[in-house]
Every structure is written in C-alpha cells, then in structure tokens.
Amino acid sequence: MVLPIAYMAPKEWYKAYLTAPEEVEIEGLESFEKQTCRNRCLIESKVESQKSKASRIMLSVPVKKVEHKQLTKDIEISYQSRWQHQHWISLVSTYRHTPYFDYYEEFFKPFYEKEYRFLWDYNNEIHETIMVLMRNLSPTLSQGEGEKFAYKATSDWRGEELNRYFGDGKSILDVLFEYGPETTDHLK
C-alpha cells in the first residue's frame, strides 16, 4: 500500500497504515500538491456552551515557493510567519482538557520549537513519535534502538486513491489525546 506523507495525518490514514505497516510505503517522489494533508491537518475543538459544539481548525505548515512538478521530498518549510507558535497554541487550547495531553505534551512541543528544513523530515519525525506513543513504547529511544518508522520513497502513488483513506479528515491527534496508548485498539 502506498500513502502520501501527511502532517499529523488523519485517523483514517493511520487505520490504513496499521493494517500492515511493514507493507506501507510513503510516497516522496510524487509532484507536491498544495492544500492537501501533506502540509495540513484538521483538528476538532470542542467548545463548551449550552449545546456542545465542535469547530474544526485547519493547521497548515507554510512551504517555500513550489516549482512546477517539484518532488514532495524536496519541499522546504517556510518560517516567514510564526506558524509554529500559532499551531502550538491551537493544539494546547484544543487538547489541554483531554486525558492524555499532559502526558504527551512534552513529545510534541519540540516540533514547534525546532526548525526543520524539509517537510518530509518534519512529517517523518512526527509520524515516528505518534507511532511510539500509540504502541506505548518508550518515546525516549535514541536513533538506532528499538523500532524505526521510516518513510520510504516510491513512485507508485496514485493520487485518486487519497480520498478513501481520509474520511472526515480529522487528525490522529483527536484520537491519540483522548485514548492514549489504547489509540491503536480504538482505531480497529
């Protein structure tokens, strides 16, 4: 199975991934498509009022100017705006009352403090962190120890298959911060 890279991928992306992770390849040799899950995620904020309402928040990682048919693996992140700060504030305000945010906060905060050159690397490290937390492994493993979750570059991606994986498009974070290490069981 071939999946596109994704920023805080939708829960359906992870459902597909978890069916057979050893058989999944993450596409990096496709032409980058703007306004997709490659650099965007959708989180759901529950606002307490008379009626429980939910509002969706789109978080987008800005990228430097994309040349025609530029490969996804070569896309560079732009830091001209304070997007990291804005994303972190959105995550904290959305998830601070969930059962597992306090436990996982320290693993996500560095993604909003450190600058990454390539979107590919940024998404890969986020994916590795999410997989470690979902599998209840020690997130402090150093490089080369334990499981390694790496993106594989392929040229087989067929973009028309994208919709079947993403359903409502909400990020895996909605499930991860709610169910913690039971996220995998919840997705099944």
Protein backbone atom coordinates (compact mmCIF):
# COMPACT_ATOMS: atom_id res chain seq x y z
CA MET A 1 0.00 0.00 0.00
CA VAL A 2 1.25 3.47 -0.86
CA LEU A 3 0.27 6.54 1.18
CA PRO A 4 1.22 10.22 0.81
CA ILE A 5 3.22 11.96 3.50
CA ALA A 6 0.95 13.76 5.93
CA TYR A 7 1.23 16.41 8.62
CA MET A 8 -0.45 14.99 11.74
CA ALA A 9 -2.15 12.52 9.43
CA PRO A 10 -5.89 11.86 9.55
CA LYS A 11 -7.02 8.96 11.71
CA GLU A 12 -8.11 7.06 8.57
CA TRP A 13 -4.52 7.35 7.26
CA TYR A 14 -3.38 5.59 10.44
CA LYS A 15 -6.12 2.96 10.13
CA ALA A 16 -4.77 2.14 6.67
CA TYR A 17 -1.18 2.26 7.90
CA LEU A 18 -1.83 -0.03 10.86
CA THR A 19 -3.41 -2.78 8.74
CA ALA A 20 0.09 -3.81 7.57
CA PRO A 21 2.78 -1.23 8.41
CA GLU A 22 5.56 -3.40 7.01
CA GLU A 23 3.86 -3.24 3.60
CA VAL A 24 3.21 0.51 3.56
CA GLU A 25 5.36 2.82 1.50
CA ILE A 26 5.18 6.57 1.94
CA GLU A 27 5.31 8.48 -1.31
CA GLY A 28 8.03 11.06 -1.68
CA LEU A 29 8.72 11.02 -5.41
CA GLU A 30 5.39 12.44 -6.47
CA SER A 31 4.88 16.04 -7.54
CA PHE A 32 3.88 18.05 -4.48
CA GLU A 33 0.22 19.02 -4.37
CA LYS A 34 -0.69 22.16 -2.47
CA GLN A 35 -3.57 22.33 0.01
CA THR A 36 -3.50 18.63 0.94
CA CYS A 37 -2.72 16.54 4.00
CA ARG A 38 0.96 16.72 3.07
CA ASN A 39 1.26 20.04 4.89
CA ARG A 40 -2.19 20.44 6.52
CA CYS A 41 -4.16 18.84 9.30
CA LEU A 42 -7.63 19.27 10.68
CA ILE A 43 -8.20 19.25 14.44
CA GLU A 44 -11.52 19.44 16.20
CA SER A 45 -12.02 21.85 19.06
CA LYS A 46 -14.96 21.21 21.37
CA VAL A 47 -16.40 24.46 22.69
CA GLU A 48 -18.40 24.19 25.90
CA SER A 49 -21.68 26.11 25.86
CA GLN A 50 -25.38 25.36 26.19
CA LYS A 51 -25.02 22.82 23.44
CA SER A 52 -21.73 21.04 22.92
CA LYS A 53 -20.38 22.40 19.67
CA ALA A 54 -17.34 21.34 17.76
CA SER A 55 -15.34 23.56 15.47
CA ARG A 56 -12.71 22.41 13.07
CA ILE A 57 -9.36 24.15 12.93
CA MET A 58 -7.14 23.79 9.88
CA LEU A 59 -3.42 23.95 10.62
CA SER A 60 -1.16 24.47 7.63
CA VAL A 61 2.64 24.28 7.50
CA PRO A 62 3.77 27.02 5.11
CA VAL A 63 6.18 25.92 2.44
CA LYS A 64 8.63 27.85 0.30
CA LYS A 65 7.68 28.53 -3.29
CA VAL A 66 6.94 25.26 -5.02
CA GLU A 67 8.31 24.87 -8.51
CA HIS A 68 6.27 23.12 -11.18
CA LYS A 69 6.38 19.35 -10.58
CA GLN A 70 8.71 19.68 -7.56
CA LEU A 71 9.08 16.37 -5.71
CA THR A 72 7.39 16.12 -2.33
CA LYS A 73 10.63 15.02 -0.68
CA ASP A 74 12.27 18.30 -1.73
CA ILE A 75 9.66 20.70 -0.32
CA GLU A 76 11.14 23.19 2.14
CA ILE A 77 9.30 24.69 5.10
CA SER A 78 8.95 28.48 5.29
CA TYR A 79 9.49 30.29 8.57
CA GLN A 80 8.48 33.79 7.43
CA SER A 81 5.43 33.64 9.71
CA ARG A 82 5.10 32.46 13.32
CA TRP A 83 3.17 29.36 12.28
CA GLN A 84 4.88 27.12 14.87
CA HIS A 85 3.70 29.33 17.72
CA GLN A 86 0.19 29.53 16.25
CA HIS A 87 -0.01 25.75 15.78
CA TRP A 88 1.20 25.08 19.31
CA ILE A 89 -1.31 27.50 20.84
CA SER A 90 -4.08 25.82 18.81
CA LEU A 91 -3.02 22.35 19.99
CA VAL A 92 -2.83 23.42 23.63
CA SER A 93 -6.18 25.20 23.60
CA THR A 94 -7.85 22.32 21.75
CA TYR A 95 -6.43 19.38 23.68
CA ARG A 96 -5.40 20.61 27.14
CA HIS A 97 -8.51 19.07 28.74
CA THR A 98 -8.14 15.67 27.08
CA PRO A 99 -6.99 12.73 29.23
CA TYR A 100 -3.56 12.26 27.62
CA PHE A 101 -2.42 15.73 26.58
CA ASP A 102 -0.49 16.31 29.79
CA TYR A 103 1.39 13.03 29.27
CA TYR A 104 2.21 13.62 25.59
CA GLU A 105 2.73 17.38 25.55
CA GLU A 106 6.48 17.09 26.06
CA PHE A 107 6.83 14.85 22.99
CA PHE A 108 5.03 17.28 20.66
CA LYS A 109 6.29 20.65 21.90
CA PRO A 110 9.77 20.28 20.30
CA PHE A 111 8.11 20.15 16.85
CA TYR A 112 7.04 23.73 17.45
CA GLU A 113 10.40 24.97 18.74
CA LYS A 114 12.91 23.41 16.35
CA GLU A 115 13.17 24.44 12.71
CA TYR A 116 13.23 21.73 10.07
CA ARG A 117 14.41 22.37 6.54
CA PHE A 118 12.26 19.79 4.73
CA LEU A 119 8.59 18.99 5.20
CA TRP A 120 9.49 15.31 4.60
CA ASP A 121 11.77 15.21 7.66
CA TYR A 122 9.32 17.13 9.81
CA ASN A 123 6.41 14.83 8.99
CA ASN A 124 8.59 11.74 9.38
CA GLU A 125 9.64 12.66 12.93
CA ILE A 126 6.06 13.48 13.91
CA HIS A 127 4.92 10.12 12.50
CA GLU A 128 7.63 8.27 14.45
CA THR A 129 6.57 10.00 17.66
CA ILE A 130 2.90 9.20 17.12
CA MET A 131 3.69 5.55 16.38
CA VAL A 132 5.81 5.23 19.51
CA LEU A 133 3.07 6.77 21.67
CA MET A 134 0.33 4.64 20.08
CA ARG A 135 2.29 1.48 20.65
CA ASN A 136 3.12 2.51 24.23
CA LEU A 137 6.84 2.17 23.55
CA SER A 138 9.43 4.27 25.28
CA PRO A 139 9.45 7.56 23.33
CA THR A 140 12.97 8.27 24.56
CA LEU A 141 14.61 5.64 22.35
CA SER A 142 17.65 7.03 20.60
CA GLN A 143 18.30 6.61 16.89
CA GLY A 144 19.12 3.01 16.03
CA GLU A 145 17.47 1.45 19.10
CA GLY A 146 14.14 -0.31 19.05
CA GLU A 147 11.67 0.17 16.22
CA LYS A 148 12.36 2.63 13.46
CA PHE A 149 9.47 4.07 11.49
CA ALA A 150 10.88 5.43 8.26
CA TYR A 151 9.28 6.84 5.20
CA LYS A 152 10.12 5.02 2.01
CA ALA A 153 10.31 6.86 -1.28
CA THR A 154 8.30 5.30 -4.07
CA SER A 155 7.00 6.38 -7.42
CA ASP A 156 3.83 4.26 -7.39
CA TRP A 157 1.42 6.74 -5.75
CA ARG A 158 -1.96 7.18 -7.41
CA GLY A 159 -3.49 10.37 -6.02
CA GLU A 160 -7.04 9.29 -6.87
CA GLU A 161 -6.85 6.74 -4.03
CA LEU A 162 -6.32 9.51 -1.46
CA ASN A 163 -9.99 10.10 -0.55
CA ARG A 164 -10.70 6.55 0.55
CA TYR A 165 -8.19 6.85 3.40
CA PHE A 166 -9.20 10.13 4.93
CA GLY A 167 -12.93 10.09 5.62
CA ASP A 168 -13.73 13.24 7.61
CA GLY A 169 -10.03 14.18 7.59
CA LYS A 170 -9.67 14.79 11.33
CA SER A 171 -6.16 14.37 12.67
CA ILE A 172 -4.96 11.33 14.59
CA LEU A 173 -4.34 13.75 17.48
CA ASP A 174 -8.09 13.83 18.23
CA VAL A 175 -7.90 10.11 18.99
CA LEU A 176 -4.38 10.00 20.47
CA PHE A 177 -5.00 12.64 23.14
CA GLU A 178 -8.34 11.04 24.03
CA TYR A 179 -7.30 7.35 24.17
CA GLY A 180 -3.53 7.43 24.69
CA PRO A 181 -1.87 4.04 24.38
CA GLU A 182 -5.27 2.50 23.55
CA THR A 183 -5.44 4.51 20.31
CA THR A 184 -4.49 1.53 18.16
CA ASP A 185 -7.29 -0.58 19.65
CA HIS A 186 -9.75 2.28 19.21
CA LEU A 187 -8.84 2.67 15.51
CA LYS A 188 -9.51 -1.01 14.88
